[in-house]
Structure formats: C-alpha cells, structure tokens
PDB file of all heavy atoms in Angstrom:
ATOM      1  N   VAL A   1      10.852  -3.845   9.562  1.00  0.00           N
ATOM      2  CA  VAL A   1       9.739  -3.921  10.513  1.00  0.00           C
ATOM      3  C   VAL A   1       8.443  -4.071   9.732  1.00  0.00           C
ATOM      4  O   VAL A   1       8.100  -3.231   8.889  1.00  0.00           O
ATOM      5  CB  VAL A   1       9.696  -2.691  11.417  1.00  0.00           C
ATOM      6  CG1 VAL A   1       8.486  -2.725  12.317  1.00  0.00           C
ATOM      7  CG2 VAL A   1      10.983  -2.595  12.245  1.00  0.00           C
ATOM      8  N   MET A   2       7.710  -5.134  10.013  1.00  0.00           N
ATOM      9  CA  MET A   2       6.407  -5.339   9.393  1.00  0.00           C
ATOM     10  C   MET A   2       5.300  -4.965  10.377  1.00  0.00           C
ATOM     11  O   MET A   2       5.325  -5.364  11.551  1.00  0.00           O
ATOM     12  CB  MET A   2       6.249  -6.811   8.990  1.00  0.00           C
ATOM     13  CG  MET A   2       7.191  -7.275   7.904  1.00  0.00           C
ATOM     14  SD  MET A   2       6.777  -6.617   6.264  1.00  0.00           S
ATOM     15  CE  MET A   2       8.125  -5.448   6.011  1.00  0.00           C
ATOM     16  N   LEU A   3       4.344  -4.211   9.926  1.00  0.00           N
ATOM     17  CA  LEU A   3       3.207  -3.840  10.755  1.00  0.00           C
ATOM     18  C   LEU A   3       2.269  -5.032  10.899  1.00  0.00           C
ATOM     19  O   LEU A   3       2.256  -5.958  10.075  1.00  0.00           O
ATOM     20  CB  LEU A   3       2.471  -2.676  10.137  1.00  0.00           C
ATOM     21  CG  LEU A   3       3.289  -1.412   9.865  1.00  0.00           C
ATOM     22  CD1 LEU A   3       2.435  -0.359   9.168  1.00  0.00           C
ATOM     23  CD2 LEU A   3       3.849  -0.857  11.185  1.00  0.00           C
ATOM     24  N   ARG A   4       1.427  -4.989  11.915  1.00  0.00           N
ATOM     25  CA  ARG A   4       0.443  -6.061  12.126  1.00  0.00           C
ATOM     26  C   ARG A   4      -0.731  -5.850  11.170  1.00  0.00           C
ATOM     27  O   ARG A   4      -1.877  -5.606  11.589  1.00  0.00           O
ATOM     28  CB  ARG A   4      -0.023  -6.069  13.578  1.00  0.00           C
ATOM     29  CG  ARG A   4       1.065  -6.463  14.565  1.00  0.00           C
ATOM     30  CD  ARG A   4       0.512  -6.544  15.984  1.00  0.00           C
ATOM     31  NE  ARG A   4       1.552  -6.849  16.934  1.00  0.00           N
ATOM     32  CZ  ARG A   4       1.946  -8.075  17.231  1.00  0.00           C
ATOM     33  NH1 ARG A   4       1.369  -9.111  16.616  1.00  0.00           N
ATOM     34  NH2 ARG A   4       2.901  -8.283  18.118  1.00  0.00           N
ATOM     35  N   ARG A   5      -0.411  -5.957   9.895  1.00  0.00           N
ATOM     36  CA  ARG A   5      -1.384  -5.787   8.842  1.00  0.00           C
ATOM     37  C   ARG A   5      -1.068  -6.773   7.743  1.00  0.00           C
ATOM     38  O   ARG A   5      -0.042  -7.461   7.773  1.00  0.00           O
ATOM     39  CB  ARG A   5      -1.327  -4.365   8.257  1.00  0.00           C
ATOM     40  CG  ARG A   5      -1.642  -3.254   9.257  1.00  0.00           C
ATOM     41  CD  ARG A   5      -1.258  -1.876   8.751  1.00  0.00           C
ATOM     42  NE  ARG A   5      -1.513  -0.855   9.745  1.00  0.00           N
ATOM     43  CZ  ARG A   5      -2.543  -0.016   9.727  1.00  0.00           C
ATOM     44  NH1 ARG A   5      -3.416  -0.097   8.728  1.00  0.00           N
ATOM     45  NH2 ARG A   5      -2.684   0.887  10.672  1.00  0.00           N
ATOM     46  N   SER A   6      -1.906  -6.839   6.746  1.00  0.00           N
ATOM     47  CA  SER A   6      -1.632  -7.684   5.583  1.00  0.00           C
ATOM     48  C   SER A   6      -0.509  -7.060   4.780  1.00  0.00           C
ATOM     49  O   SER A   6      -0.066  -5.915   5.030  1.00  0.00           O
ATOM     50  CB  SER A   6      -2.873  -7.779   4.709  1.00  0.00           C
ATOM     51  OG  SER A   6      -3.187  -6.515   4.153  1.00  0.00           O
ATOM     52  N   ALA A   7      -0.033  -7.815   3.795  1.00  0.00           N
ATOM     53  CA  ALA A   7       1.000  -7.275   2.894  1.00  0.00           C
ATOM     54  C   ALA A   7       0.493  -6.001   2.236  1.00  0.00           C
ATOM     55  O   ALA A   7       1.195  -4.975   2.191  1.00  0.00           O
ATOM     56  CB  ALA A   7       1.382  -8.317   1.863  1.00  0.00           C
ATOM     57  N   ALA A   8      -0.733  -6.053   1.710  1.00  0.00           N
ATOM     58  CA  ALA A   8      -1.322  -4.867   1.096  1.00  0.00           C
ATOM     59  C   ALA A   8      -1.488  -3.746   2.097  1.00  0.00           C
ATOM     60  O   ALA A   8      -1.279  -2.568   1.791  1.00  0.00           O
ATOM     61  CB  ALA A   8      -2.659  -5.237   0.458  1.00  0.00           C
ATOM     62  N   GLY A   9      -1.862  -4.102   3.336  1.00  0.00           N
ATOM     63  CA  GLY A   9      -2.086  -3.099   4.362  1.00  0.00           C
ATOM     64  C   GLY A   9      -0.808  -2.381   4.745  1.00  0.00           C
ATOM     65  O   GLY A   9      -0.824  -1.196   5.066  1.00  0.00           O
ATOM     66  N   ASN A  10       0.334  -3.091   4.737  1.00  0.00           N
ATOM     67  CA  ASN A  10       1.603  -2.458   5.020  1.00  0.00           C
ATOM     68  C   ASN A  10       1.908  -1.361   3.982  1.00  0.00           C
ATOM     69  O   ASN A  10       2.382  -0.270   4.322  1.00  0.00           O
ATOM     70  CB  ASN A  10       2.722  -3.490   5.021  1.00  0.00           C
ATOM     71  CG  ASN A  10       3.009  -4.045   6.406  1.00  0.00           C
ATOM     72  OD1 ASN A  10       3.915  -3.592   7.106  1.00  0.00           O
ATOM     73  ND2 ASN A  10       2.185  -5.006   6.813  1.00  0.00           N
ATOM     74  N   ILE A  11       1.666  -1.676   2.717  1.00  0.00           N
ATOM     75  CA  ILE A  11       1.906  -0.692   1.661  1.00  0.00           C
ATOM     76  C   ILE A  11       0.906   0.452   1.769  1.00  0.00           C
ATOM     77  O   ILE A  11       1.272   1.627   1.643  1.00  0.00           O
ATOM     78  CB  ILE A  11       1.842  -1.357   0.281  1.00  0.00           C
ATOM     79  CG1 ILE A  11       2.939  -2.422   0.154  1.00  0.00           C
ATOM     80  CG2 ILE A  11       1.991  -0.312  -0.841  1.00  0.00           C
ATOM     81  CD1 ILE A  11       2.847  -3.258  -1.101  1.00  0.00           C
ATOM     82  N   GLY A  12      -0.347   0.106   2.015  1.00  0.00           N
ATOM     83  CA  GLY A  12      -1.384   1.126   2.121  1.00  0.00           C
ATOM     84  C   GLY A  12      -1.120   2.123   3.245  1.00  0.00           C
ATOM     85  O   GLY A  12      -1.358   3.309   3.097  1.00  0.00           O
ATOM     86  N   PHE A  13      -0.616   1.600   4.374  1.00  0.00           N
ATOM     87  CA  PHE A  13      -0.340   2.474   5.500  1.00  0.00           C
ATOM     88  C   PHE A  13       0.753   3.478   5.160  1.00  0.00           C
ATOM     89  O   PHE A  13       0.688   4.674   5.504  1.00  0.00           O
ATOM     90  CB  PHE A  13       0.058   1.660   6.725  1.00  0.00           C
ATOM     91  CG  PHE A  13       0.225   2.486   7.974  1.00  0.00           C
ATOM     92  CD1 PHE A  13      -0.884   2.988   8.638  1.00  0.00           C
ATOM     93  CD2 PHE A  13       1.478   2.754   8.482  1.00  0.00           C
ATOM     94  CE1 PHE A  13      -0.739   3.751   9.784  1.00  0.00           C
ATOM     95  CE2 PHE A  13       1.651   3.524   9.639  1.00  0.00           C
ATOM     96  CZ  PHE A  13       0.536   4.028  10.270  1.00  0.00           C
ATOM     97  N   ALA A  14       1.807   2.991   4.459  1.00  0.00           N
ATOM     98  CA  ALA A  14       2.900   3.884   4.043  1.00  0.00           C
ATOM     99  C   ALA A  14       2.371   4.969   3.102  1.00  0.00           C
ATOM    100  O   ALA A  14       2.750   6.145   3.191  1.00  0.00           O
ATOM    101  CB  ALA A  14       3.997   3.087   3.362  1.00  0.00           C
ATOM    102  N   LEU A  15       1.483   4.584   2.202  1.00  0.00           N
ATOM    103  CA  LEU A  15       0.907   5.561   1.260  1.00  0.00           C
ATOM    104  C   LEU A  15      -0.009   6.551   1.973  1.00  0.00           C
ATOM    105  O   LEU A  15      -0.055   7.737   1.631  1.00  0.00           O
ATOM    106  CB  LEU A  15       0.125   4.805   0.172  1.00  0.00           C
ATOM    107  CG  LEU A  15       0.960   3.962  -0.791  1.00  0.00           C
ATOM    108  CD1 LEU A  15       0.062   3.134  -1.686  1.00  0.00           C
ATOM    109  CD2 LEU A  15       1.891   4.842  -1.620  1.00  0.00           C
ATOM    110  N   LYS A  16      -0.694   6.077   3.002  1.00  0.00           N
ATOM    111  CA  LYS A  16      -1.553   6.968   3.781  1.00  0.00           C
ATOM    112  C   LYS A  16      -0.702   8.009   4.491  1.00  0.00           C
ATOM    113  O   LYS A  16      -1.027   9.206   4.502  1.00  0.00           O
ATOM    114  CB  LYS A  16      -2.356   6.154   4.792  1.00  0.00           C
ATOM    115  CG  LYS A  16      -3.266   7.015   5.678  1.00  0.00           C
ATOM    116  CD  LYS A  16      -4.035   6.136   6.662  1.00  0.00           C
ATOM    117  CE  LYS A  16      -4.927   7.003   7.555  1.00  0.00           C
ATOM    118  NZ  LYS A  16      -5.685   6.145   8.536  1.00  0.00           N
ATOM    119  N   LEU A  17       0.402   7.566   5.105  1.00  0.00           N
ATOM    120  CA  LEU A  17       1.294   8.511   5.777  1.00  0.00           C
ATOM    121  C   LEU A  17       1.876   9.527   4.806  1.00  0.00           C
ATOM    122  O   LEU A  17       2.115  10.683   5.156  1.00  0.00           O
ATOM    123  CB  LEU A  17       2.422   7.756   6.476  1.00  0.00           C
ATOM    124  CG  LEU A  17       2.068   6.934   7.703  1.00  0.00           C
ATOM    125  CD1 LEU A  17       3.303   6.259   8.259  1.00  0.00           C
ATOM    126  CD2 LEU A  17       1.396   7.785   8.763  1.00  0.00           C
ATOM    127  N   ARG A  18       2.084   9.095   3.570  1.00  0.00           N
ATOM    128  CA  ARG A  18       2.622   9.966   2.559  1.00  0.00           C
ATOM    129  C   ARG A  18       1.584  10.985   2.063  1.00  0.00           C
ATOM    130  O   ARG A  18       1.915  11.972   1.401  1.00  0.00           O
ATOM    131  CB  ARG A  18       3.190   9.151   1.402  1.00  0.00           C
ATOM    132  CG  ARG A  18       3.874   9.945   0.295  1.00  0.00           C
ATOM    133  CD  ARG A  18       4.991  10.841   0.784  1.00  0.00           C
ATOM    134  NE  ARG A  18       6.040  10.128   1.487  1.00  0.00           N
ATOM    135  CZ  ARG A  18       7.115   9.620   0.893  1.00  0.00           C
ATOM    136  NH1 ARG A  18       7.255   9.705  -0.415  1.00  0.00           N
ATOM    137  NH2 ARG A  18       8.047   9.045   1.616  1.00  0.00           N
ATOM    138  N   GLY A  19       0.307  10.706   2.366  1.00  0.00           N
ATOM    139  CA  GLY A  19      -0.756  11.639   1.995  1.00  0.00           C
ATOM    140  C   GLY A  19      -1.465  11.290   0.705  1.00  0.00           C
ATOM    141  O   GLY A  19      -2.227  12.124   0.185  1.00  0.00           O
ATOM    142  N   LEU A  20      -1.253  10.081   0.182  1.00  0.00           N
ATOM    143  CA  LEU A  20      -1.932   9.696  -1.055  1.00  0.00           C
ATOM    144  C   LEU A  20      -3.412   9.494  -0.771  1.00  0.00           C
ATOM    145  O   LEU A  20      -3.778   8.829   0.184  1.00  0.00           O
ATOM    146  CB  LEU A  20      -1.322   8.404  -1.601  1.00  0.00           C
ATOM    147  CG  LEU A  20      -1.722   8.032  -3.028  1.00  0.00           C
ATOM    148  CD1 LEU A  20      -1.059   8.990  -4.040  1.00  0.00           C
ATOM    149  CD2 LEU A  20      -1.326   6.595  -3.351  1.00  0.00           C
ATOM    150  N   PRO A  21      -4.299  10.112  -1.564  1.00  0.00           N
ATOM    151  CA  PRO A  21      -5.749   9.969  -1.348  1.00  0.00           C
ATOM    152  C   PRO A  21      -6.189   8.516  -1.359  1.00  0.00           C
ATOM    153  O   PRO A  21      -5.636   7.701  -2.107  1.00  0.00           O
ATOM    154  CB  PRO A  21      -6.360  10.771  -2.500  1.00  0.00           C
ATOM    155  CG  PRO A  21      -5.287  11.725  -2.930  1.00  0.00           C
ATOM    156  CD  PRO A  21      -4.004  10.997  -2.691  1.00  0.00           C
ATOM    157  N   ARG A  22      -7.191   8.181  -0.572  1.00  0.00           N
ATOM    158  CA  ARG A  22      -7.693   6.816  -0.476  1.00  0.00           C
ATOM    159  C   ARG A  22      -8.007   6.247  -1.831  1.00  0.00           C
ATOM    160  O   ARG A  22      -7.747   5.066  -2.117  1.00  0.00           O
ATOM    161  CB  ARG A  22      -8.928   6.791   0.427  1.00  0.00           C
ATOM    162  CG  ARG A  22      -9.496   5.376   0.638  1.00  0.00           C
ATOM    163  CD  ARG A  22     -10.866   5.448   1.279  1.00  0.00           C
ATOM    164  NE  ARG A  22     -10.753   6.014   2.614  1.00  0.00           N
ATOM    165  CZ  ARG A  22     -10.589   5.303   3.725  1.00  0.00           C
ATOM    166  NH1 ARG A  22     -10.483   3.972   3.642  1.00  0.00           N
ATOM    167  NH2 ARG A  22     -10.518   5.891   4.900  1.00  0.00           N
ATOM    168  N   ARG A  23      -8.641   7.058  -2.697  1.00  0.00           N
ATOM    169  CA  ARG A  23      -9.068   6.546  -4.000  1.00  0.00           C
ATOM    170  C   ARG A  23      -7.906   6.114  -4.884  1.00  0.00           C
ATOM    171  O   ARG A  23      -8.081   5.319  -5.802  1.00  0.00           O
ATOM    172  CB  ARG A  23      -9.870   7.621  -4.740  1.00  0.00           C
ATOM    173  CG  ARG A  23      -9.071   8.888  -5.065  1.00  0.00           C
ATOM    174  CD  ARG A  23      -9.917   9.924  -5.793  1.00  0.00           C
ATOM    175  NE  ARG A  23      -9.146  11.139  -6.071  1.00  0.00           N
ATOM    176  CZ  ARG A  23      -8.967  12.111  -5.215  1.00  0.00           C
ATOM    177  NH1 ARG A  23      -9.509  12.054  -3.992  1.00  0.00           N
ATOM    178  NH2 ARG A  23      -8.276  13.199  -5.546  1.00  0.00           N
ATOM    179  N   ASP A  24      -6.708   6.631  -4.593  1.00  0.00           N
ATOM    180  CA  ASP A  24      -5.540   6.276  -5.393  1.00  0.00           C
ATOM    181  C   ASP A  24      -4.708   5.152  -4.780  1.00  0.00           C
ATOM    182  O   ASP A  24      -3.865   4.555  -5.462  1.00  0.00           O
ATOM    183  CB  ASP A  24      -4.634   7.517  -5.563  1.00  0.00           C
ATOM    184  CG  ASP A  24      -5.333   8.646  -6.302  1.00  0.00           C
ATOM    185  OD1 ASP A  24      -6.200   8.337  -7.168  1.00  0.00           O
ATOM    186  OD2 ASP A  24      -5.033   9.804  -6.006  1.00  0.00           O
ATOM    187  N   ARG A  25      -4.948   4.840  -3.514  1.00  0.00           N
ATOM    188  CA  ARG A  25      -4.093   3.882  -2.827  1.00  0.00           C
ATOM    189  C   ARG A  25      -4.253   2.470  -3.381  1.00  0.00           C
ATOM    190  O   ARG A  25      -3.284   1.750  -3.587  1.00  0.00           O
ATOM    191  CB  ARG A  25      -4.373   3.855  -1.321  1.00  0.00           C
ATOM    192  CG  ARG A  25      -3.807   5.058  -0.581  1.00  0.00           C
ATOM    193  CD  ARG A  25      -4.170   4.963   0.893  1.00  0.00           C
ATOM    194  NE  ARG A  25      -4.534   6.286   1.424  1.00  0.00           N
ATOM    195  CZ  ARG A  25      -5.315   6.500   2.449  1.00  0.00           C
ATOM    196  NH1 ARG A  25      -5.854   5.454   3.086  1.00  0.00           N
ATOM    197  NH2 ARG A  25      -5.589   7.713   2.861  1.00  0.00           N
ATOM    198  N   ARG A  26      -5.527   2.043  -3.594  1.00  0.00           N
ATOM    199  CA  ARG A  26      -5.764   0.684  -4.019  1.00  0.00           C
ATOM    200  C   ARG A  26      -5.059   0.374  -5.333  1.00  0.00           C
ATOM    201  O   ARG A  26      -4.430  -0.689  -5.480  1.00  0.00           O
ATOM    202  CB  ARG A  26      -7.262   0.420  -4.155  1.00  0.00           C
ATOM    203  CG  ARG A  26      -7.589  -1.006  -4.568  1.00  0.00           C
ATOM    204  CD  ARG A  26      -9.079  -1.256  -4.547  1.00  0.00           C
ATOM    205  NE  ARG A  26      -9.607  -1.140  -3.199  1.00  0.00           N
ATOM    206  CZ  ARG A  26     -10.904  -1.281  -2.894  1.00  0.00           C
ATOM    207  NH1 ARG A  26     -11.794  -1.548  -3.838  1.00  0.00           N
ATOM    208  NH2 ARG A  26     -11.311  -1.183  -1.653  1.00  0.00           N
ATOM    209  N   ALA A  27      -5.143   1.279  -6.277  1.00  0.00           N
ATOM    210  CA  ALA A  27      -4.481   1.060  -7.570  1.00  0.00           C
ATOM    211  C   ALA A  27      -2.975   0.972  -7.413  1.00  0.00           C
ATOM    212  O   ALA A  27      -2.316   0.116  -8.040  1.00  0.00           O
ATOM    213  CB  ALA A  27      -4.854   2.180  -8.542  1.00  0.00           C
ATOM    214  N   ARG A  28      -2.412   1.851  -6.597  1.00  0.00           N
ATOM    215  CA  ARG A  28      -0.976   1.848  -6.393  1.00  0.00           C
ATOM    216  C   ARG A  28      -0.532   0.586  -5.688  1.00  0.00           C
ATOM    217  O   ARG A  28       0.504  -0.008  -6.046  1.00  0.00           O
ATOM    218  CB  ARG A  28      -0.572   3.095  -5.588  1.00  0.00           C
ATOM    219  CG  ARG A  28       0.937   3.231  -5.351  1.00  0.00           C
ATOM    220  CD  ARG A  28       1.673   3.424  -6.630  1.00  0.00           C
ATOM    221  NE  ARG A  28       3.097   3.568  -6.412  1.00  0.00           N
ATOM    222  CZ  ARG A  28       4.048   3.304  -7.294  1.00  0.00           C
ATOM    223  NH1 ARG A  28       3.686   2.841  -8.498  1.00  0.00           N
ATOM    224  NH2 ARG A  28       5.307   3.466  -7.025  1.00  0.00           N
ATOM    225  N   ILE A  29      -1.292   0.130  -4.697  1.00  0.00           N
ATOM    226  CA  ILE A  29      -0.971  -1.093  -4.004  1.00  0.00           C
ATOM    227  C   ILE A  29      -0.941  -2.281  -4.963  1.00  0.00           C
ATOM    228  O   ILE A  29      -0.011  -3.075  -4.992  1.00  0.00           O
ATOM    229  CB  ILE A  29      -1.961  -1.354  -2.843  1.00  0.00           C
ATOM    230  CG1 ILE A  29      -1.772  -0.314  -1.745  1.00  0.00           C
ATOM    231  CG2 ILE A  29      -1.752  -2.778  -2.284  1.00  0.00           C
ATOM    232  CD1 ILE A  29      -2.882  -0.321  -0.705  1.00  0.00           C
ATOM    233  N   GLY A  30      -2.001  -2.366  -5.764  1.00  0.00           N
ATOM    234  CA  GLY A  30      -2.089  -3.476  -6.718  1.00  0.00           C
ATOM    235  C   GLY A  30      -0.952  -3.460  -7.720  1.00  0.00           C
ATOM    236  O   GLY A  30      -0.394  -4.505  -8.059  1.00  0.00           O
ATOM    237  N   GLU A  31      -0.599  -2.271  -8.180  1.00  0.00           N
ATOM    238  CA  GLU A  31       0.477  -2.134  -9.165  1.00  0.00           C
ATOM    239  C   GLU A  31       1.794  -2.599  -8.589  1.00  0.00           C
ATOM    240  O   GLU A  31       2.536  -3.374  -9.222  1.00  0.00           O
ATOM    241  CB  GLU A  31       0.585  -0.659  -9.601  1.00  0.00           C
ATOM    242  CG  GLU A  31       1.757  -0.370 -10.496  1.00  0.00           C
ATOM    243  CD  GLU A  31       1.998   1.122 -10.688  1.00  0.00           C
ATOM    244  OE1 GLU A  31       1.210   1.932 -10.147  1.00  0.00           O
ATOM    245  OE2 GLU A  31       3.005   1.474 -11.335  1.00  0.00           O
ATOM    246  N   VAL A  32       2.112  -2.146  -7.368  1.00  0.00           N
ATOM    247  CA  VAL A  32       3.408  -2.485  -6.775  1.00  0.00           C
ATOM    248  C   VAL A  32       3.481  -3.959  -6.412  1.00  0.00           C
ATOM    249  O   VAL A  32       4.505  -4.608  -6.606  1.00  0.00           O
ATOM    250  CB  VAL A  32       3.652  -1.592  -5.529  1.00  0.00           C
ATOM    251  CG1 VAL A  32       4.861  -2.074  -4.783  1.00  0.00           C
ATOM    252  CG2 VAL A  32       3.840  -0.145  -5.955  1.00  0.00           C
ATOM    253  N   LEU A  33       2.387  -4.537  -5.875  1.00  0.00           N
ATOM    254  CA  LEU A  33       2.399  -5.950  -5.545  1.00  0.00           C
ATOM    255  C   LEU A  33       2.598  -6.795  -6.800  1.00  0.00           C
ATOM    256  O   LEU A  33       3.321  -7.810  -6.775  1.00  0.00           O
ATOM    257  CB  LEU A  33       1.095  -6.342  -4.849  1.00  0.00           C
ATOM    258  CG  LEU A  33       0.955  -5.866  -3.401  1.00  0.00           C
ATOM    259  CD1 LEU A  33      -0.445  -6.157  -2.885  1.00  0.00           C
ATOM    260  CD2 LEU A  33       1.977  -6.513  -2.496  1.00  0.00           C
ATOM    261  N   ALA A  34       1.990  -6.385  -7.892  1.00  0.00           N
ATOM    262  CA  ALA A  34       2.165  -7.127  -9.157  1.00  0.00           C
ATOM    263  C   ALA A  34       3.594  -7.008  -9.648  1.00  0.00           C
ATOM    264  O   ALA A  34       4.186  -8.008 -10.098  1.00  0.00           O
ATOM    265  CB  ALA A  34       1.184  -6.581 -10.197  1.00  0.00           C
ATOM    266  N   ARG A  35       4.176  -5.839  -9.579  1.00  0.00           N
ATOM    267  CA  ARG A  35       5.516  -5.617 -10.111  1.00  0.00           C
ATOM    268  C   ARG A  35       6.579  -6.324  -9.267  1.00  0.00           C
ATOM    269  O   ARG A  35       7.675  -6.619  -9.749  1.00  0.00           O
ATOM    270  CB  ARG A  35       5.839  -4.126 -10.158  1.00  0.00           C
ATOM    271  CG  ARG A  35       4.994  -3.377 -11.186  1.00  0.00           C
ATOM    272  CD  ARG A  35       5.178  -1.873 -11.102  1.00  0.00           C
ATOM    273  NE  ARG A  35       6.467  -1.433 -11.652  1.00  0.00           N
ATOM    274  CZ  ARG A  35       6.833  -0.155 -11.662  1.00  0.00           C
ATOM    275  NH1 ARG A  35       6.015   0.779 -11.180  1.00  0.00           N
ATOM    276  NH2 ARG A  35       8.006   0.174 -12.173  1.00  0.00           N
ATOM    277  N   THR A  36       6.244  -6.637  -8.007  1.00  0.00           N
ATOM    278  CA  THR A  36       7.225  -7.303  -7.135  1.00  0.00           C
ATOM    279  C   THR A  36       6.912  -8.778  -6.957  1.00  0.00           C
ATOM    280  O   THR A  36       7.581  -9.448  -6.151  1.00  0.00           O
ATOM    281  CB  THR A  36       7.216  -6.612  -5.754  1.00  0.00           C
ATOM    282  OG1 THR A  36       5.890  -6.583  -5.201  1.00  0.00           O
ATOM    283  CG2 THR A  36       7.760  -5.193  -5.862  1.00  0.00           C
ATOM    284  N   GLY A  37       5.930  -9.292  -7.668  1.00  0.00           N
ATOM    285  CA  GLY A  37       5.598 -10.698  -7.589  1.00  0.00           C
ATOM    286  C   GLY A  37       4.934 -11.129  -6.297  1.00  0.00           C
ATOM    287  O   GLY A  37       4.978 -12.307  -5.920  1.00  0.00           O
TER     288      GLY A  37
END
C-alpha cells in the first residue's frame, strides 16, 4: 500500500510513526533512498 505522498514522504511517514525526531528523518530518508537506488 502506497500512501498519497512522494516516495520520500512514504518513508518519512513510517519514520514519524516510529517516533524518529524530525531532525533525523531527512538524513535517514536520503540514506535509504540512495541505498535502494
């Protein structure tokens, strides 16, 4: 199921639900998107 968000937004929403602070989300999103091509 894909949310009505961007690819980055889908990952960011999952991280938000997990409780990751906003300041850490962007770096984690960029890292994972890069590692998955």
